[in-house]
Amino acid sequence: MIKLIDQSTINEFEYEQEGTKITLKKGGATTVQPVQAPVYEEKAIFSKPAEAADKPAEPEAKADNQEQSDGRNDENLHKIESPMVGTFYTSPSPEDDLYVKVGDKVNSDTVVCIVEAMKLFNEIEADQAGEIVEVLVENGELVEYGQPLFLVRPQ
């Protein structure tokens, strides 16, 4: 059983039967810290009606021009990506301050967010020194492996 768990992506295995309990945990370089679960409101996501999708989107064109003028479309920006599938949180709990916001300077080891996966709260580090240019994900949103979370202008 130990070999199977060691070769899998499982970090912890627990088995209990007739009063006997076995717990196996894998060690690794992953930074995982159990944190009190943040409580956030669920929000519904609605798509545009079909007729609205067919109309030309003038406000979006203006938004694209604004992004170009403030440097967000700069090809030199670094993307901080999610290392796993989970729920994105901008702070350790709803009462706490945000880890980072647009304009903040970060080092490569600065914690920028938490991604919760299977009740484990994983602190995500910037991995690049620079300035946060844009937060690409909403608080409480589900994220995919490799999904960009932040744009950073390297120093």
C-alpha atoms as a PDB file:
ATOM      1  CA  MET A   1       0.000   0.000   0.000  1.00  0.00           C
ATOM      2  CA  ILE A   2       2.891   2.366   0.796  1.00  0.00           C
ATOM      3  CA  LYS A   3       4.375   1.881  -2.697  1.00  0.00           C
ATOM      4  CA  LEU A   4       1.014   2.627  -4.350  1.00  0.00           C
ATOM      5  CA  ILE A   5       0.546   5.846  -2.374  1.00  0.00           C
ATOM      6  CA  ASP A   6       4.167   6.862  -2.966  1.00  0.00           C
ATOM      7  CA  GLN A   7       3.689   6.493  -6.740  1.00  0.00           C
ATOM      8  CA  SER A   8       0.358   8.353  -6.758  1.00  0.00           C
ATOM      9  CA  THR A   9      -0.477  12.051  -6.381  1.00  0.00           C
ATOM     10  CA  ILE A  10      -2.157  11.378  -3.028  1.00  0.00           C
ATOM     11  CA  ASN A  11      -0.459  13.259  -0.176  1.00  0.00           C
ATOM     12  CA  GLU A  12      -2.403  11.715   2.691  1.00  0.00           C
ATOM     13  CA  PHE A  13      -4.315   8.442   3.124  1.00  0.00           C
ATOM     14  CA  GLU A  14      -6.453   7.480   6.101  1.00  0.00           C
ATOM     15  CA  TYR A  15      -8.131   4.098   6.707  1.00  0.00           C
ATOM     16  CA  GLU A  16     -10.238   3.074   9.694  1.00  0.00           C
ATOM     17  CA  GLN A  17     -11.900  -0.255  10.404  1.00  0.00           C
ATOM     18  CA  GLU A  18     -13.169  -1.785  13.657  1.00  0.00           C
ATOM     19  CA  GLY A  19     -11.406   0.743  15.878  1.00  0.00           C
ATOM     20  CA  THR A  20      -8.045   0.493  14.061  1.00  0.00           C
ATOM     21  CA  LYS A  21      -6.910   3.594  12.256  1.00  0.00           C
ATOM     22  CA  ILE A  22      -4.029   3.889   9.764  1.00  0.00           C
ATOM     23  CA  THR A  23      -2.818   7.258   8.488  1.00  0.00           C
ATOM     24  CA  LEU A  24      -0.117   7.589   5.816  1.00  0.00           C
ATOM     25  CA  LYS A  25       1.299  11.002   4.862  1.00  0.00           C
ATOM     26  CA  LYS A  26       3.748  11.793   2.088  1.00  0.00           C
ATOM     27  CA  GLY A  27       6.483  14.368   2.698  1.00  0.00           C
ATOM     28  CA  GLY A  28       7.377  16.854  -0.025  1.00  0.00           C
ATOM     29  CA  ALA A  29       8.439  20.362  -0.914  1.00  0.00           C
ATOM     30  CA  THR A  30       4.860  21.615  -1.234  1.00  0.00           C
ATOM     31  CA  THR A  31       3.924  24.480   1.073  1.00  0.00           C
ATOM     32  CA  VAL A  32       0.595  23.464   2.555  1.00  0.00           C
ATOM     33  CA  GLN A  33      -0.736  25.095   5.661  1.00  0.00           C
ATOM     34  CA  PRO A  34      -4.123  24.307   7.111  1.00  0.00           C
ATOM     35  CA  VAL A  35      -5.956  27.575   7.632  1.00  0.00           C
ATOM     36  CA  GLN A  36      -9.411  28.307   8.943  1.00  0.00           C
ATOM     37  CA  ALA A  37     -11.754  27.964   5.983  1.00  0.00           C
ATOM     38  CA  PRO A  38     -12.746  31.365   4.609  1.00  0.00           C
ATOM     39  CA  VAL A  39     -16.479  31.909   4.367  1.00  0.00           C
ATOM     40  CA  TYR A  40     -17.484  33.571   1.127  1.00  0.00           C
ATOM     41  CA  GLU A  41     -20.793  34.082  -0.578  1.00  0.00           C
ATOM     42  CA  GLU A  42     -21.522  32.041  -3.677  1.00  0.00           C
ATOM     43  CA  LYS A  43     -22.262  34.166  -6.711  1.00  0.00           C
ATOM     44  CA  ALA A  44     -24.168  33.167  -9.776  1.00  0.00           C
ATOM     45  CA  ILE A  45     -22.598  33.541 -13.198  1.00  0.00           C
ATOM     46  CA  PHE A  46     -24.927  34.406 -16.045  1.00  0.00           C
ATOM     47  CA  SER A  47     -24.131  34.412 -19.730  1.00  0.00           C
ATOM     48  CA  LYS A  48     -25.227  37.084 -22.185  1.00  0.00           C
ATOM     49  CA  PRO A  49     -28.448  36.486 -24.108  1.00  0.00           C
ATOM     50  CA  ALA A  50     -27.852  35.295 -27.677  1.00  0.00           C
ATOM     51  CA  GLU A  51     -29.064  38.554 -29.233  1.00  0.00           C
ATOM     52  CA  ALA A  52     -26.688  40.628 -27.065  1.00  0.00           C
ATOM     53  CA  ALA A  53     -23.762  38.429 -28.143  1.00  0.00           C
ATOM     54  CA  ASP A  54     -24.465  39.195 -31.827  1.00  0.00           C
ATOM     55  CA  LYS A  55     -24.264  42.980 -31.366  1.00  0.00           C
ATOM     56  CA  PRO A  56     -20.915  44.730 -31.782  1.00  0.00           C
ATOM     57  CA  ALA A  57     -19.323  45.486 -28.436  1.00  0.00           C
ATOM     58  CA  GLU A  58     -18.148  49.091 -28.479  1.00  0.00           C
ATOM     59  CA  PRO A  59     -17.436  49.374 -24.732  1.00  0.00           C
ATOM     60  CA  GLU A  60     -15.096  46.357 -24.927  1.00  0.00           C
ATOM     61  CA  ALA A  61     -13.147  48.005 -27.735  1.00  0.00           C
ATOM     62  CA  LYS A  62     -12.667  51.058 -25.499  1.00  0.00           C
ATOM     63  CA  ALA A  63     -11.568  48.800 -22.651  1.00  0.00           C
ATOM     64  CA  ASP A  64      -8.962  47.189 -24.937  1.00  0.00           C
ATOM     65  CA  ASN A  65      -7.584  50.620 -25.793  1.00  0.00           C
ATOM     66  CA  GLN A  66      -7.370  51.483 -22.078  1.00  0.00           C
ATOM     67  CA  GLU A  67      -5.483  48.271 -21.366  1.00  0.00           C
ATOM     68  CA  GLN A  68      -2.964  49.082 -24.069  1.00  0.00           C
ATOM     69  CA  SER A  69      -2.449  52.581 -22.691  1.00  0.00           C
ATOM     70  CA  ASP A  70      -1.768  51.416 -19.099  1.00  0.00           C
ATOM     71  CA  GLY A  71       0.618  48.642 -20.179  1.00  0.00           C
ATOM     72  CA  ARG A  72      -1.455  45.569 -19.334  1.00  0.00           C
ATOM     73  CA  ASN A  73      -1.000  44.112 -22.816  1.00  0.00           C
ATOM     74  CA  ASP A  74       2.779  44.418 -22.503  1.00  0.00           C
ATOM     75  CA  GLU A  75       4.340  41.166 -23.730  1.00  0.00           C
ATOM     76  CA  ASN A  76       6.972  41.378 -20.966  1.00  0.00           C
ATOM     77  CA  LEU A  77       4.447  40.741 -18.188  1.00  0.00           C
ATOM     78  CA  HIS A  78       4.904  37.583 -16.125  1.00  0.00           C
ATOM     79  CA  LYS A  79       1.843  35.406 -15.402  1.00  0.00           C
ATOM     80  CA  ILE A  80       1.490  33.820 -11.979  1.00  0.00           C
ATOM     81  CA  GLU A  81      -0.410  30.611 -12.729  1.00  0.00           C
ATOM     82  CA  SER A  82      -2.400  28.263 -10.535  1.00  0.00           C
ATOM     83  CA  PRO A  83      -0.409  25.116  -9.721  1.00  0.00           C
ATOM     84  CA  MET A  84      -3.625  23.153  -9.142  1.00  0.00           C
ATOM     85  CA  VAL A  85      -7.388  23.001  -9.549  1.00  0.00           C
ATOM     86  CA  GLY A  86      -9.203  24.628  -6.640  1.00  0.00           C
ATOM     87  CA  THR A  87     -10.894  27.726  -5.229  1.00  0.00           C
ATOM     88  CA  PHE A  88      -9.016  31.051  -5.389  1.00  0.00           C
ATOM     89  CA  TYR A  89      -8.966  33.280  -2.290  1.00  0.00           C
ATOM     90  CA  THR A  90      -7.391  36.742  -2.045  1.00  0.00           C
ATOM     91  CA  SER A  91      -6.980  36.692   1.757  1.00  0.00           C
ATOM     92  CA  PRO A  92      -6.536  34.166   4.571  1.00  0.00           C
ATOM     93  CA  SER A  93     -10.079  34.888   5.810  1.00  0.00           C
ATOM     94  CA  PRO A  94     -12.872  37.328   4.911  1.00  0.00           C
ATOM     95  CA  GLU A  95     -11.896  39.650   7.788  1.00  0.00           C
ATOM     96  CA  ASP A  96      -8.196  39.824   6.852  1.00  0.00           C
ATOM     97  CA  ASP A  97      -6.519  42.187   4.412  1.00  0.00           C
ATOM     98  CA  LEU A  98      -5.806  41.064   0.848  1.00  0.00           C
ATOM     99  CA  TYR A  99      -2.488  39.356   0.267  1.00  0.00           C
ATOM    100  CA  VAL A 100      -1.782  41.704  -2.677  1.00  0.00           C
ATOM    101  CA  LYS A 101      -3.586  44.255  -4.820  1.00  0.00           C
ATOM    102  CA  VAL A 102      -2.812  46.076  -8.080  1.00  0.00           C
ATOM    103  CA  GLY A 103       0.249  48.273  -7.652  1.00  0.00           C
ATOM    104  CA  ASP A 104       1.822  46.217  -4.851  1.00  0.00           C
ATOM    105  CA  LYS A 105       5.507  45.294  -5.146  1.00  0.00           C
ATOM    106  CA  VAL A 106       6.220  41.586  -4.617  1.00  0.00           C
ATOM    107  CA  ASN A 107       9.289  39.383  -4.242  1.00  0.00           C
ATOM    108  CA  SER A 108       9.545  35.885  -5.659  1.00  0.00           C
ATOM    109  CA  ASP A 109       8.580  34.429  -2.262  1.00  0.00           C
ATOM    110  CA  THR A 110       5.667  36.805  -1.508  1.00  0.00           C
ATOM    111  CA  VAL A 111       2.381  34.958  -0.871  1.00  0.00           C
ATOM    112  CA  VAL A 112      -0.169  36.391  -3.331  1.00  0.00           C
ATOM    113  CA  CYS A 113      -3.219  34.176  -2.715  1.00  0.00           C
ATOM    114  CA  ILE A 114      -4.549  30.830  -1.486  1.00  0.00           C
ATOM    115  CA  VAL A 115      -5.894  28.029  -3.660  1.00  0.00           C
ATOM    116  CA  GLU A 116      -8.046  25.598  -1.703  1.00  0.00           C
ATOM    117  CA  ALA A 117      -8.036  22.025  -2.947  1.00  0.00           C
ATOM    118  CA  MET A 118      -9.774  19.254  -1.006  1.00  0.00           C
ATOM    119  CA  LYS A 119      -9.908  21.281   2.255  1.00  0.00           C
ATOM    120  CA  LEU A 120      -6.171  22.063   2.052  1.00  0.00           C
ATOM    121  CA  PHE A 121      -5.269  25.737   1.755  1.00  0.00           C
ATOM    122  CA  ASN A 122      -2.183  26.145  -0.432  1.00  0.00           C
ATOM    123  CA  GLU A 123      -0.338  29.452  -0.290  1.00  0.00           C
ATOM    124  CA  ILE A 124       0.716  30.546  -3.774  1.00  0.00           C
ATOM    125  CA  GLU A 125       3.918  32.579  -4.059  1.00  0.00           C
ATOM    126  CA  ALA A 126       4.671  35.203  -6.691  1.00  0.00           C
ATOM    127  CA  ASP A 127       7.686  33.299  -8.153  1.00  0.00           C
ATOM    128  CA  GLN A 128       8.782  36.584  -9.815  1.00  0.00           C
ATOM    129  CA  ALA A 129       9.807  39.900  -8.266  1.00  0.00           C
ATOM    130  CA  GLY A 130       7.936  42.889  -9.633  1.00  0.00           C
ATOM    131  CA  GLU A 131       4.713  44.887  -9.452  1.00  0.00           C
ATOM    132  CA  ILE A 132       1.199  43.417  -9.557  1.00  0.00           C
ATOM    133  CA  VAL A 133      -0.401  44.871 -12.698  1.00  0.00           C
ATOM    134  CA  GLU A 134      -3.668  42.938 -12.742  1.00  0.00           C
ATOM    135  CA  VAL A 135      -5.605  40.356 -10.722  1.00  0.00           C
ATOM    136  CA  LEU A 136      -7.183  38.045 -13.311  1.00  0.00           C
ATOM    137  CA  VAL A 137      -9.463  36.012 -11.021  1.00  0.00           C
ATOM    138  CA  GLU A 138     -12.328  36.965  -8.695  1.00  0.00           C
ATOM    139  CA  ASN A 139     -12.257  35.982  -5.017  1.00  0.00           C
ATOM    140  CA  GLY A 140     -13.985  32.618  -4.457  1.00  0.00           C
ATOM    141  CA  GLU A 141     -13.748  31.656  -8.138  1.00  0.00           C
ATOM    142  CA  LEU A 142     -12.814  28.136  -9.221  1.00  0.00           C
ATOM    143  CA  VAL A 143      -9.467  27.983 -11.025  1.00  0.00           C
ATOM    144  CA  GLU A 144      -7.875  25.359 -13.258  1.00  0.00           C
ATOM    145  CA  TYR A 145      -4.330  24.025 -13.314  1.00  0.00           C
ATOM    146  CA  GLY A 146      -2.139  26.479 -15.237  1.00  0.00           C
ATOM    147  CA  GLN A 147      -4.780  29.250 -15.264  1.00  0.00           C
ATOM    148  CA  PRO A 148      -3.206  32.733 -15.019  1.00  0.00           C
ATOM    149  CA  LEU A 149      -4.079  34.395 -11.680  1.00  0.00           C
ATOM    150  CA  PHE A 150      -1.998  37.599 -11.735  1.00  0.00           C
ATOM    151  CA  LEU A 151       0.031  39.687 -14.182  1.00  0.00           C
ATOM    152  CA  VAL A 152       3.349  40.977 -12.809  1.00  0.00           C
ATOM    153  CA  ARG A 153       5.626  43.588 -14.363  1.00  0.00           C
ATOM    154  CA  PRO A 154       9.113  42.208 -13.596  1.00  0.00           C
ATOM    155  CA  GLN A 155      11.623  44.492 -11.904  1.00  0.00           C
END
